[in-house]
């Protein structure tokens, strides 16, 4: 398959895999977005207990503990997945990896397969400028837990290549990333990612 056909394949397939997409510029189609997992959450430390952030007062101590646990889980995923998107090869090992972090793991595996076909690679570490929960369900008893996190992320430290050439970034403005993680209410149950969206030029952090 030629490079032009591969490019068309990626553009069409990603429309069904990526949860958000960027608009096209007047100069023509925008390049592929970086993989969602190619960034690292270098989260700004929380204020000290004597100076809590304004949003913290909206949640109970139990809810805040759930948020911190879910956030650590997502940070773990990012750190471990970066080499996978950098290598850009879908195989049995990557399938097992995605099954350990996503409810809909097959979407990630398919996206990686598309990237492999089109020789797309994602490099580098994004910088999380801020992170806070927007919704926390952490009741006691046998019910489950769910946390939705909104982050402001600077992707300028990352790069994406296709056919060995660096692709143009959608935007250099920090972007909003929204992550939802859930788990069964058991000590041994891991947090699983149920939704992962990045605004990709449509929603810079200034309007979050």
N, C-alpha and C. Protein backbone atom coordinates (compact mmCIF):
# COMPACT_ATOMS: atom_id res chain seq x y z
N UNK A 1 0.85 -1.20 0.00
CA UNK A 1 0.00 0.00 0.00
C UNK A 1 0.88 1.24 0.00
N UNK A 2 0.57 2.23 -0.82
CA UNK A 2 1.39 3.44 -0.93
C UNK A 2 1.22 4.29 0.30
N UNK A 3 2.15 5.26 0.45
CA UNK A 3 2.07 6.16 1.58
C UNK A 3 0.80 6.99 1.52
N UNK A 4 0.37 7.44 0.35
CA UNK A 4 -0.83 8.26 0.25
C UNK A 4 -2.06 7.47 0.66
N UNK A 5 -2.12 6.19 0.27
CA UNK A 5 -3.25 5.37 0.67
C UNK A 5 -3.22 5.12 2.16
N UNK A 6 -2.01 4.93 2.72
CA UNK A 6 -1.89 4.74 4.15
C UNK A 6 -2.39 5.96 4.89
N UNK A 7 -2.05 7.14 4.39
CA UNK A 7 -2.48 8.39 5.02
C UNK A 7 -4.00 8.48 5.04
N UNK A 8 -4.63 8.08 3.92
CA UNK A 8 -6.09 8.10 3.86
C UNK A 8 -6.68 7.11 4.84
N UNK A 9 -6.03 5.93 4.94
CA UNK A 9 -6.51 4.91 5.86
C UNK A 9 -6.49 5.44 7.28
N UNK A 10 -5.42 6.09 7.67
CA UNK A 10 -5.29 6.62 9.03
C UNK A 10 -6.35 7.66 9.30
N UNK A 11 -6.53 8.59 8.37
CA UNK A 11 -7.49 9.67 8.58
C UNK A 11 -8.90 9.12 8.76
N UNK A 12 -9.25 8.11 7.95
CA UNK A 12 -10.60 7.56 8.01
C UNK A 12 -10.78 6.73 9.28
N UNK A 13 -9.78 5.90 9.59
CA UNK A 13 -9.93 5.00 10.73
C UNK A 13 -9.91 5.74 12.04
N UNK A 14 -9.05 6.74 12.15
CA UNK A 14 -8.97 7.49 13.40
C UNK A 14 -10.27 8.21 13.71
N UNK A 15 -11.04 8.54 12.67
CA UNK A 15 -12.31 9.21 12.90
C UNK A 15 -13.23 8.34 13.75
N UNK A 16 -13.06 7.03 13.65
CA UNK A 16 -13.90 6.15 14.44
C UNK A 16 -13.27 5.72 15.75
N UNK A 17 -11.98 5.99 15.93
CA UNK A 17 -11.28 5.55 17.12
C UNK A 17 -11.02 6.67 18.10
N UNK A 18 -10.63 7.82 17.62
CA UNK A 18 -10.30 8.93 18.50
C UNK A 18 -11.60 9.59 18.94
N UNK A 19 -11.74 9.83 20.21
CA UNK A 19 -12.99 10.35 20.74
C UNK A 19 -13.21 11.81 20.40
N UNK A 20 -12.12 12.56 20.20
CA UNK A 20 -12.22 13.94 19.75
C UNK A 20 -11.23 14.13 18.63
N UNK A 21 -11.49 15.09 17.72
CA UNK A 21 -10.59 15.33 16.61
C UNK A 21 -10.51 16.82 16.36
N UNK A 22 -9.43 17.24 15.69
CA UNK A 22 -9.24 18.66 15.40
C UNK A 22 -9.83 19.00 14.04
N UNK A 23 -10.18 20.28 13.88
CA UNK A 23 -10.68 20.75 12.59
C UNK A 23 -9.53 20.88 11.60
N UNK A 24 -9.86 20.92 10.31
CA UNK A 24 -8.85 21.10 9.29
C UNK A 24 -8.57 22.58 9.10
N UNK A 25 -7.30 22.89 8.81
CA UNK A 25 -6.92 24.27 8.56
C UNK A 25 -7.08 24.59 7.09
N UNK A 26 -6.94 25.84 6.75
CA UNK A 26 -7.06 26.24 5.36
C UNK A 26 -5.95 25.65 4.51
N UNK A 27 -4.83 25.31 5.13
CA UNK A 27 -3.70 24.77 4.38
C UNK A 27 -3.90 23.31 4.03
N UNK A 28 -4.97 22.68 4.55
CA UNK A 28 -5.21 21.28 4.24
C UNK A 28 -5.42 20.49 5.51
N UNK A 29 -5.52 19.16 5.42
CA UNK A 29 -5.80 18.33 6.58
C UNK A 29 -4.72 18.48 7.64
N UNK A 30 -5.14 18.49 8.89
CA UNK A 30 -4.19 18.52 9.99
C UNK A 30 -3.51 17.16 10.10
N UNK A 31 -2.31 17.10 10.68
CA UNK A 31 -1.63 15.81 10.87
C UNK A 31 -2.30 15.01 11.95
N UNK A 32 -1.86 13.76 12.11
CA UNK A 32 -2.43 12.89 13.13
C UNK A 32 -2.15 13.44 14.51
N UNK A 33 -3.10 13.26 15.45
CA UNK A 33 -2.85 13.67 16.83
C UNK A 33 -1.91 12.69 17.50
N UNK A 34 -1.22 13.13 18.57
CA UNK A 34 -0.42 12.17 19.33
C UNK A 34 -1.33 11.19 20.03
N UNK A 35 -0.83 9.99 20.30
CA UNK A 35 -1.62 9.02 21.03
C UNK A 35 -1.96 9.58 22.40
N UNK A 36 -3.16 9.25 22.89
CA UNK A 36 -3.58 9.77 24.19
C UNK A 36 -2.59 9.41 25.28
N UNK A 37 -1.94 8.27 25.12
CA UNK A 37 -1.11 7.77 26.19
C UNK A 37 0.33 8.20 26.10
N UNK A 38 0.68 9.10 25.20
CA UNK A 38 2.07 9.45 25.02
C UNK A 38 2.50 10.63 25.89
N UNK A 39 1.71 10.94 26.92
CA UNK A 39 2.05 12.04 27.79
C UNK A 39 2.17 11.57 29.22
N UNK A 40 2.95 12.28 29.99
CA UNK A 40 3.12 11.93 31.38
C UNK A 40 2.53 13.00 32.26
N UNK A 41 1.83 12.58 33.30
CA UNK A 41 1.15 13.52 34.17
C UNK A 41 2.10 14.05 35.24
N UNK A 42 2.86 15.08 34.88
CA UNK A 42 3.71 15.74 35.86
C UNK A 42 2.86 16.75 36.60
N UNK A 43 2.00 16.24 37.47
CA UNK A 43 0.96 17.06 38.07
C UNK A 43 1.54 18.05 39.05
N UNK A 44 1.04 19.28 38.99
CA UNK A 44 1.43 20.28 39.95
C UNK A 44 1.05 19.81 41.34
N UNK A 45 1.99 19.82 42.32
CA UNK A 45 1.69 19.33 43.66
C UNK A 45 0.50 20.05 44.27
N UNK A 46 -0.29 19.31 45.03
CA UNK A 46 -1.41 19.91 45.72
C UNK A 46 -0.91 20.87 46.80
N UNK A 47 -1.70 21.90 47.11
CA UNK A 47 -1.31 22.80 48.18
C UNK A 47 -1.20 22.06 49.50
N UNK A 48 -0.50 22.64 50.46
CA UNK A 48 -0.35 22.01 51.76
C UNK A 48 -1.70 21.96 52.46
N UNK A 49 -1.84 21.09 53.50
CA UNK A 49 -3.12 20.98 54.19
C UNK A 49 -3.63 22.30 54.77
N UNK A 50 -2.72 23.21 55.07
CA UNK A 50 -3.14 24.48 55.65
C UNK A 50 -3.66 25.45 54.58
N UNK A 51 -3.40 25.14 53.32
CA UNK A 51 -3.85 25.98 52.22
C UNK A 51 -4.49 25.11 51.14
N UNK A 52 -5.63 24.53 51.42
CA UNK A 52 -6.27 23.64 50.44
C UNK A 52 -6.75 24.42 49.22
N UNK A 53 -6.76 23.74 48.08
CA UNK A 53 -7.31 24.35 46.87
C UNK A 53 -8.81 24.53 47.05
N UNK A 54 -9.37 25.50 46.34
CA UNK A 54 -10.79 25.81 46.51
C UNK A 54 -11.67 24.60 46.20
N UNK A 55 -11.29 23.80 45.19
CA UNK A 55 -12.14 22.68 44.81
C UNK A 55 -12.17 21.58 45.86
N UNK A 56 -11.15 21.51 46.71
CA UNK A 56 -11.09 20.43 47.69
C UNK A 56 -12.23 20.49 48.70
N UNK A 57 -12.71 21.70 48.99
CA UNK A 57 -13.78 21.85 49.97
C UNK A 57 -15.10 21.25 49.49
N UNK A 58 -15.19 20.95 48.20
CA UNK A 58 -16.42 20.39 47.64
C UNK A 58 -16.53 18.88 47.85
N UNK A 59 -15.44 18.26 48.33
CA UNK A 59 -15.42 16.81 48.44
C UNK A 59 -15.06 16.38 49.86
N UNK A 60 -15.49 15.17 50.20
CA UNK A 60 -15.20 14.60 51.51
C UNK A 60 -13.79 13.99 51.50
N UNK A 61 -13.22 13.72 52.68
CA UNK A 61 -11.91 13.06 52.72
C UNK A 61 -11.91 11.73 51.97
N UNK A 62 -12.98 10.96 52.09
CA UNK A 62 -13.08 9.69 51.35
C UNK A 62 -13.01 9.93 49.85
N UNK A 63 -13.71 10.93 49.37
CA UNK A 63 -13.70 11.24 47.95
C UNK A 63 -12.32 11.71 47.48
N UNK A 64 -11.66 12.51 48.28
CA UNK A 64 -10.32 12.99 47.91
C UNK A 64 -9.32 11.84 47.85
N UNK A 65 -9.46 10.88 48.75
CA UNK A 65 -8.57 9.71 48.70
C UNK A 65 -8.83 8.91 47.43
N UNK A 66 -10.08 8.80 47.03
CA UNK A 66 -10.41 8.09 45.79
C UNK A 66 -9.80 8.81 44.59
N UNK A 67 -9.88 10.14 44.57
CA UNK A 67 -9.29 10.92 43.48
C UNK A 67 -7.79 10.69 43.40
N UNK A 68 -7.11 10.78 44.53
CA UNK A 68 -5.66 10.62 44.53
C UNK A 68 -5.26 9.23 44.07
N UNK A 69 -6.03 8.22 44.47
CA UNK A 69 -5.74 6.85 44.05
C UNK A 69 -5.96 6.68 42.55
N UNK A 70 -7.05 7.25 42.03
CA UNK A 70 -7.34 7.15 40.60
C UNK A 70 -6.28 7.90 39.79
N UNK A 71 -5.86 9.06 40.28
CA UNK A 71 -4.85 9.85 39.58
C UNK A 71 -3.53 9.10 39.51
N UNK A 72 -3.12 8.46 40.61
CA UNK A 72 -1.88 7.67 40.59
C UNK A 72 -1.97 6.54 39.57
N UNK A 73 -3.13 5.93 39.49
CA UNK A 73 -3.32 4.84 38.52
C UNK A 73 -3.15 5.34 37.09
N UNK A 74 -3.73 6.51 36.79
CA UNK A 74 -3.58 7.04 35.44
C UNK A 74 -2.14 7.43 35.16
N UNK A 75 -1.46 8.01 36.13
CA UNK A 75 -0.05 8.36 35.95
C UNK A 75 0.78 7.11 35.68
N UNK A 76 0.46 6.02 36.35
CA UNK A 76 1.15 4.75 36.12
C UNK A 76 0.94 4.29 34.68
N UNK A 77 -0.31 4.39 34.22
CA UNK A 77 -0.60 3.99 32.84
C UNK A 77 0.22 4.81 31.85
N UNK A 78 0.25 6.11 32.02
CA UNK A 78 0.99 6.96 31.09
C UNK A 78 2.46 6.61 31.04
N UNK A 79 3.05 6.44 32.21
CA UNK A 79 4.47 6.13 32.28
C UNK A 79 4.78 4.82 31.57
N UNK A 80 3.96 3.81 31.80
CA UNK A 80 4.22 2.49 31.23
C UNK A 80 3.85 2.41 29.75
N UNK A 81 2.91 3.23 29.29
CA UNK A 81 2.46 3.13 27.90
C UNK A 81 3.30 3.95 26.94
N UNK A 82 4.04 4.93 27.42
CA UNK A 82 4.81 5.78 26.50
C UNK A 82 5.73 4.98 25.58
N UNK A 83 6.48 3.99 26.08
CA UNK A 83 7.31 3.20 25.17
C UNK A 83 6.52 2.42 24.12
N UNK A 84 5.29 2.06 24.45
CA UNK A 84 4.44 1.31 23.50
C UNK A 84 4.08 2.18 22.31
N UNK A 85 3.64 3.43 22.57
CA UNK A 85 3.27 4.31 21.46
C UNK A 85 4.51 4.79 20.71
N UNK A 86 5.64 4.83 21.39
CA UNK A 86 6.89 5.21 20.71
C UNK A 86 7.32 4.11 19.75
N UNK A 87 7.15 2.84 20.15
CA UNK A 87 7.51 1.72 19.28
C UNK A 87 6.50 1.56 18.15
N UNK A 88 5.23 1.82 18.43
CA UNK A 88 4.20 1.76 17.39
C UNK A 88 3.97 0.38 16.80
N UNK A 89 3.97 -0.65 17.65
CA UNK A 89 3.76 -2.01 17.17
C UNK A 89 2.69 -2.70 18.02
N UNK A 90 1.64 -3.15 17.37
CA UNK A 90 0.56 -3.85 18.06
C UNK A 90 0.84 -5.35 18.07
N UNK A 91 0.80 -5.95 19.25
CA UNK A 91 1.07 -7.37 19.36
C UNK A 91 0.38 -7.93 20.62
N UNK A 92 0.64 -9.19 20.92
CA UNK A 92 -0.02 -9.82 22.06
C UNK A 92 0.36 -9.14 23.37
N UNK A 93 1.59 -8.66 23.47
CA UNK A 93 2.02 -7.99 24.70
C UNK A 93 1.26 -6.69 24.92
N UNK A 94 1.08 -5.90 23.86
CA UNK A 94 0.33 -4.64 24.02
C UNK A 94 -1.14 -4.92 24.31
N UNK A 95 -1.68 -5.99 23.76
CA UNK A 95 -3.06 -6.35 24.05
C UNK A 95 -3.23 -6.64 25.55
N UNK A 96 -2.32 -7.41 26.11
CA UNK A 96 -2.39 -7.71 27.55
C UNK A 96 -2.26 -6.43 28.36
N UNK A 97 -1.40 -5.54 27.92
CA UNK A 97 -1.20 -4.29 28.64
C UNK A 97 -2.48 -3.47 28.66
N UNK A 98 -3.11 -3.25 27.52
CA UNK A 98 -4.32 -2.44 27.45
C UNK A 98 -5.46 -3.08 28.24
N UNK A 99 -5.52 -4.41 28.25
CA UNK A 99 -6.56 -5.09 29.02
C UNK A 99 -6.45 -4.79 30.51
N UNK A 100 -5.23 -4.47 30.95
CA UNK A 100 -5.02 -4.19 32.36
C UNK A 100 -5.41 -2.79 32.78
N UNK A 101 -5.71 -1.90 31.80
CA UNK A 101 -5.99 -0.50 32.15
C UNK A 101 -7.30 0.04 31.59
N UNK A 102 -7.85 -0.58 30.56
CA UNK A 102 -9.04 -0.04 29.90
C UNK A 102 -10.19 -1.05 29.93
N UNK A 103 -11.40 -0.54 30.16
CA UNK A 103 -12.58 -1.38 29.95
C UNK A 103 -12.71 -1.70 28.47
N UNK A 104 -12.64 -0.67 27.63
CA UNK A 104 -12.73 -0.85 26.17
C UNK A 104 -11.31 -0.93 25.60
N UNK A 105 -10.57 -1.93 26.03
CA UNK A 105 -9.15 -2.04 25.66
C UNK A 105 -8.95 -2.23 24.16
N UNK A 106 -9.94 -2.83 23.49
CA UNK A 106 -9.79 -3.12 22.07
C UNK A 106 -9.64 -1.84 21.25
N UNK A 107 -10.24 -0.74 21.70
CA UNK A 107 -10.10 0.52 20.96
C UNK A 107 -8.64 0.97 20.93
N UNK A 108 -7.94 0.83 22.05
CA UNK A 108 -6.53 1.22 22.09
C UNK A 108 -5.67 0.30 21.22
N UNK A 109 -5.96 -0.99 21.28
CA UNK A 109 -5.20 -1.94 20.47
C UNK A 109 -5.41 -1.68 18.98
N UNK A 110 -6.65 -1.37 18.59
CA UNK A 110 -6.93 -1.08 17.18
C UNK A 110 -6.24 0.21 16.73
N UNK A 111 -6.26 1.21 17.59
CA UNK A 111 -5.60 2.46 17.24
C UNK A 111 -4.10 2.23 17.04
N UNK A 112 -3.51 1.45 17.93
CA UNK A 112 -2.09 1.15 17.80
C UNK A 112 -1.81 0.40 16.50
N UNK A 113 -2.70 -0.49 16.10
CA UNK A 113 -2.54 -1.23 14.85
C UNK A 113 -2.61 -0.28 13.65
N UNK A 114 -3.50 0.69 13.71
CA UNK A 114 -3.59 1.69 12.63
C UNK A 114 -2.31 2.51 12.56
N UNK A 115 -1.81 2.92 13.72
CA UNK A 115 -0.55 3.67 13.75
C UNK A 115 0.60 2.84 13.17
N UNK A 116 0.61 1.55 13.49
CA UNK A 116 1.66 0.68 12.97
C UNK A 116 1.59 0.61 11.44
N UNK A 117 0.38 0.45 10.90
CA UNK A 117 0.20 0.38 9.45
C UNK A 117 0.67 1.65 8.76
N UNK A 118 0.43 2.79 9.38
CA UNK A 118 0.79 4.08 8.78
C UNK A 118 2.13 4.61 9.27
N UNK A 119 2.87 3.79 10.02
CA UNK A 119 4.20 4.16 10.52
C UNK A 119 4.17 5.44 11.36
N UNK A 120 3.20 5.50 12.25
CA UNK A 120 3.07 6.64 13.15
C UNK A 120 3.72 6.28 14.49
N UNK A 121 4.53 7.19 15.01
CA UNK A 121 5.20 7.01 16.29
C UNK A 121 5.00 8.27 17.13
N UNK A 122 4.80 8.09 18.44
CA UNK A 122 4.64 9.22 19.36
C UNK A 122 5.78 9.22 20.36
N UNK A 123 6.40 10.37 20.55
CA UNK A 123 7.57 10.50 21.41
C UNK A 123 7.37 11.61 22.44
N UNK A 124 8.05 11.48 23.55
CA UNK A 124 8.13 12.59 24.49
C UNK A 124 7.09 12.54 25.58
N UNK A 125 7.24 13.48 26.49
CA UNK A 125 6.40 13.55 27.67
C UNK A 125 5.68 14.88 27.75
N UNK A 126 4.37 14.84 27.81
CA UNK A 126 3.61 16.06 28.01
C UNK A 126 3.75 16.55 29.44
N UNK A 127 3.33 17.76 29.69
CA UNK A 127 3.45 18.34 31.03
C UNK A 127 2.07 18.75 31.52
N UNK A 128 1.63 18.13 32.61
CA UNK A 128 0.33 18.45 33.17
C UNK A 128 0.46 19.68 34.05
N UNK A 129 -0.20 20.75 33.65
CA UNK A 129 -0.10 22.01 34.37
C UNK A 129 -1.02 22.06 35.58
N UNK A 130 -2.14 21.39 35.51
CA UNK A 130 -3.07 21.34 36.64
C UNK A 130 -3.93 20.10 36.51
N UNK A 131 -4.45 19.65 37.64
CA UNK A 131 -5.29 18.46 37.66
C UNK A 131 -6.26 18.58 38.82
N UNK A 132 -7.54 18.30 38.55
CA UNK A 132 -8.54 18.35 39.62
C UNK A 132 -9.71 17.45 39.24
N UNK A 133 -10.41 16.94 40.25
CA UNK A 133 -11.59 16.12 39.96
C UNK A 133 -12.80 17.00 39.69
N UNK A 134 -13.65 16.56 38.79
CA UNK A 134 -14.91 17.25 38.56
C UNK A 134 -16.10 16.43 39.06
N UNK A 135 -15.88 15.14 39.28
CA UNK A 135 -16.94 14.26 39.79
C UNK A 135 -16.28 13.09 40.49
N UNK A 136 -16.76 12.81 41.71
CA UNK A 136 -16.23 11.68 42.48
C UNK A 136 -17.39 10.93 43.11
N UNK A 137 -17.50 9.66 42.80
CA UNK A 137 -18.47 8.79 43.45
C UNK A 137 -17.67 7.76 44.24
N UNK A 138 -17.69 7.87 45.55
CA UNK A 138 -16.88 7.00 46.40
C UNK A 138 -17.65 6.64 47.66
N UNK A 139 -18.80 6.03 47.48
CA UNK A 139 -19.63 5.66 48.62
C UNK A 139 -19.11 4.38 49.25
N UNK A 140 -19.52 4.13 50.48
CA UNK A 140 -19.12 2.91 51.15
C UNK A 140 -19.97 1.74 50.71
N UNK A 141 -19.85 0.64 51.42
CA UNK A 141 -20.64 -0.54 51.08
C UNK A 141 -20.09 -1.28 49.88
N UNK A 142 -21.00 -1.93 49.16
CA UNK A 142 -20.58 -2.78 48.04
C UNK A 142 -20.59 -2.06 46.69
N UNK A 143 -20.95 -0.78 46.70
CA UNK A 143 -21.00 -0.05 45.44
C UNK A 143 -19.62 0.23 44.88
N UNK A 144 -19.57 0.61 43.62
CA UNK A 144 -18.30 0.92 42.98
C UNK A 144 -17.90 2.36 43.20
N UNK A 145 -16.75 2.72 42.66
CA UNK A 145 -16.23 4.07 42.74
C UNK A 145 -15.94 4.58 41.33
N UNK A 146 -16.11 5.87 41.14
CA UNK A 146 -15.85 6.49 39.84
C UNK A 146 -15.32 7.90 40.04
N UNK A 147 -14.30 8.26 39.28
CA UNK A 147 -13.69 9.58 39.38
C UNK A 147 -13.50 10.14 37.97
N UNK A 148 -13.91 11.37 37.76
CA UNK A 148 -13.65 12.09 36.51
C UNK A 148 -12.66 13.21 36.81
N UNK A 149 -11.58 13.26 36.04
CA UNK A 149 -10.49 14.20 36.27
C UNK A 149 -10.34 15.11 35.06
N UNK A 150 -10.21 16.39 35.32
CA UNK A 150 -9.94 17.36 34.25
C UNK A 150 -8.52 17.90 34.44
N UNK A 151 -7.73 17.83 33.38
CA UNK A 151 -6.35 18.30 33.43
C UNK A 151 -6.09 19.34 32.35
N UNK A 152 -5.13 20.19 32.62
CA UNK A 152 -4.62 21.13 31.62
C UNK A 152 -3.23 20.65 31.24
N UNK A 153 -3.04 20.29 29.97
CA UNK A 153 -1.81 19.62 29.56
C UNK A 153 -1.11 20.39 28.45
N UNK A 154 0.19 20.57 28.61
CA UNK A 154 1.04 21.20 27.60
C UNK A 154 1.72 20.09 26.81
N UNK A 155 1.40 19.97 25.52
CA UNK A 155 1.94 18.90 24.67
C UNK A 155 3.17 19.32 23.87
N UNK A 156 3.71 20.50 24.13
CA UNK A 156 4.83 20.98 23.34
C UNK A 156 6.09 20.14 23.51
N UNK A 157 6.17 19.37 24.58
CA UNK A 157 7.32 18.50 24.78
C UNK A 157 7.21 17.17 24.06
N UNK A 158 6.12 16.95 23.33
CA UNK A 158 5.94 15.70 22.60
C UNK A 158 6.11 15.94 21.10
N UNK A 159 6.31 14.86 20.38
CA UNK A 159 6.34 14.96 18.92
C UNK A 159 5.80 13.65 18.34
N UNK A 160 5.21 13.75 17.16
CA UNK A 160 4.69 12.60 16.45
C UNK A 160 5.32 12.55 15.07
N UNK A 161 5.71 11.35 14.64
CA UNK A 161 6.28 11.19 13.31
C UNK A 161 5.43 10.24 12.49
N UNK A 162 5.45 10.44 11.17
CA UNK A 162 4.82 9.51 10.23
C UNK A 162 5.76 9.34 9.06
N UNK A 163 6.07 8.10 8.74
CA UNK A 163 7.05 7.77 7.72
C UNK A 163 8.40 8.43 8.03
N UNK A 164 8.68 8.57 9.31
CA UNK A 164 9.96 9.12 9.74
C UNK A 164 10.04 10.63 9.77
N UNK A 165 8.96 11.32 9.40
CA UNK A 165 8.96 12.78 9.38
C UNK A 165 8.06 13.31 10.49
N UNK A 166 8.51 14.38 11.15
CA UNK A 166 7.73 14.98 12.23
C UNK A 166 6.48 15.64 11.66
N UNK A 167 5.33 15.34 12.25
CA UNK A 167 4.07 15.93 11.81
C UNK A 167 3.83 17.26 12.52
N UNK A 168 3.02 18.09 11.90
CA UNK A 168 2.69 19.39 12.47
C UNK A 168 1.73 19.23 13.64
N UNK A 169 1.93 20.00 14.71
CA UNK A 169 1.06 19.95 15.86
C UNK A 169 -0.27 20.64 15.55
N UNK A 170 -1.33 20.14 16.17
CA UNK A 170 -2.64 20.78 16.01
C UNK A 170 -2.61 22.19 16.58
N UNK A 171 -1.99 22.32 17.73
CA UNK A 171 -1.93 23.61 18.42
C UNK A 171 -0.78 23.56 19.41
N UNK A 172 -0.27 24.73 19.77
CA UNK A 172 0.75 24.81 20.81
C UNK A 172 0.19 25.31 22.13
N UNK A 173 -1.13 25.50 22.19
CA UNK A 173 -1.76 25.93 23.43
C UNK A 173 -2.05 24.71 24.31
N UNK A 174 -1.91 24.86 25.62
CA UNK A 174 -2.29 23.75 26.51
C UNK A 174 -3.73 23.35 26.28
N UNK A 175 -3.99 22.07 26.40
CA UNK A 175 -5.30 21.52 26.08
C UNK A 175 -5.96 20.86 27.29
N UNK A 176 -7.28 20.78 27.24
CA UNK A 176 -8.03 20.11 28.29
C UNK A 176 -8.06 18.60 28.02
N UNK A 177 -7.72 17.84 29.04
CA UNK A 177 -7.83 16.37 28.95
C UNK A 177 -8.77 15.92 30.07
N UNK A 178 -9.72 15.07 29.71
CA UNK A 178 -10.70 14.57 30.67
C UNK A 178 -10.59 13.05 30.76
N UNK A 179 -10.42 12.55 31.97
CA UNK A 179 -10.23 11.12 32.19
C UNK A 179 -11.28 10.64 33.19
N UNK A 180 -11.93 9.53 32.90
CA UNK A 180 -12.83 8.90 33.86
C UNK A 180 -12.32 7.50 34.16
N UNK A 181 -12.17 7.22 35.45
CA UNK A 181 -11.73 5.90 35.90
C UNK A 181 -12.76 5.35 36.88
N UNK A 182 -12.95 4.04 36.86
CA UNK A 182 -13.90 3.40 37.76
C UNK A 182 -13.30 2.11 38.30
N UNK A 183 -13.87 1.65 39.42
CA UNK A 183 -13.44 0.36 39.97
C UNK A 183 -14.51 -0.17 40.90
N UNK A 184 -14.47 -1.49 41.12
CA UNK A 184 -15.35 -2.10 42.11
C UNK A 184 -14.85 -1.71 43.49
N UNK A 185 -15.74 -1.60 44.42
CA UNK A 185 -15.39 -1.12 45.75
C UNK A 185 -14.75 -2.24 46.58
N UNK A 186 -13.58 -2.67 46.14
CA UNK A 186 -12.81 -3.69 46.86
C UNK A 186 -11.36 -3.21 46.92
N UNK A 187 -10.67 -3.47 48.03
CA UNK A 187 -9.28 -2.99 48.16
C UNK A 187 -8.36 -3.46 47.04
N UNK A 188 -8.59 -4.68 46.54
CA UNK A 188 -7.70 -5.23 45.52
C UNK A 188 -8.10 -4.85 44.11
N UNK A 189 -9.22 -4.21 43.92
CA UNK A 189 -9.70 -3.89 42.58
C UNK A 189 -8.94 -2.70 42.01
N UNK A 190 -8.37 -2.83 40.81
CA UNK A 190 -7.64 -1.71 40.21
C UNK A 190 -8.59 -0.72 39.55
N UNK A 191 -8.18 0.51 39.47
CA UNK A 191 -8.91 1.51 38.69
C UNK A 191 -8.76 1.20 37.21
N UNK A 192 -9.86 1.29 36.47
CA UNK A 192 -9.84 1.05 35.04
C UNK A 192 -10.31 2.31 34.32
N UNK A 193 -9.69 2.63 33.19
CA UNK A 193 -10.05 3.81 32.42
C UNK A 193 -11.27 3.51 31.56
N UNK A 194 -12.32 4.30 31.74
CA UNK A 194 -13.53 4.12 30.93
C UNK A 194 -13.68 5.20 29.87
N UNK A 195 -13.00 6.34 30.05
CA UNK A 195 -13.07 7.41 29.06
C UNK A 195 -11.80 8.24 29.14
N UNK A 196 -11.28 8.62 27.96
CA UNK A 196 -10.06 9.42 27.87
C UNK A 196 -10.18 10.33 26.66
N UNK A 197 -10.33 11.64 26.89
CA UNK A 197 -10.55 12.58 25.81
C UNK A 197 -9.61 13.78 25.94
N UNK A 198 -9.09 14.23 24.81
CA UNK A 198 -8.28 15.45 24.76
C UNK A 198 -8.89 16.38 23.73
N UNK A 199 -8.94 17.67 24.04
CA UNK A 199 -9.66 18.61 23.19
C UNK A 199 -9.03 18.82 21.82
N UNK A 200 -7.72 18.62 21.66
CA UNK A 200 -7.04 18.70 20.37
C UNK A 200 -7.35 19.98 19.60
N UNK A 201 -7.19 21.11 20.25
CA UNK A 201 -7.35 22.39 19.58
C UNK A 201 -8.70 23.03 19.76
N UNK A 202 -9.71 22.25 20.15
CA UNK A 202 -11.05 22.80 20.27
C UNK A 202 -11.30 23.49 21.61
N UNK A 203 -10.54 23.11 22.63
CA UNK A 203 -10.80 23.64 23.97
C UNK A 203 -9.50 23.89 24.71
N UNK A 204 -8.84 24.99 24.45
CA UNK A 204 -7.63 25.30 25.22
C UNK A 204 -7.98 25.52 26.68
N UNK A 205 -6.99 25.40 27.55
CA UNK A 205 -7.24 25.45 28.99
C UNK A 205 -7.83 26.76 29.44
N UNK A 206 -7.62 27.84 28.69
CA UNK A 206 -8.14 29.15 29.08
C UNK A 206 -9.65 29.19 29.13
N UNK A 207 -10.32 28.23 28.43
CA UNK A 207 -11.78 28.22 28.42
C UNK A 207 -12.32 26.96 29.10
N UNK A 208 -11.44 26.28 29.87
CA UNK A 208 -11.85 25.04 30.53
C UNK A 208 -12.84 25.35 31.64
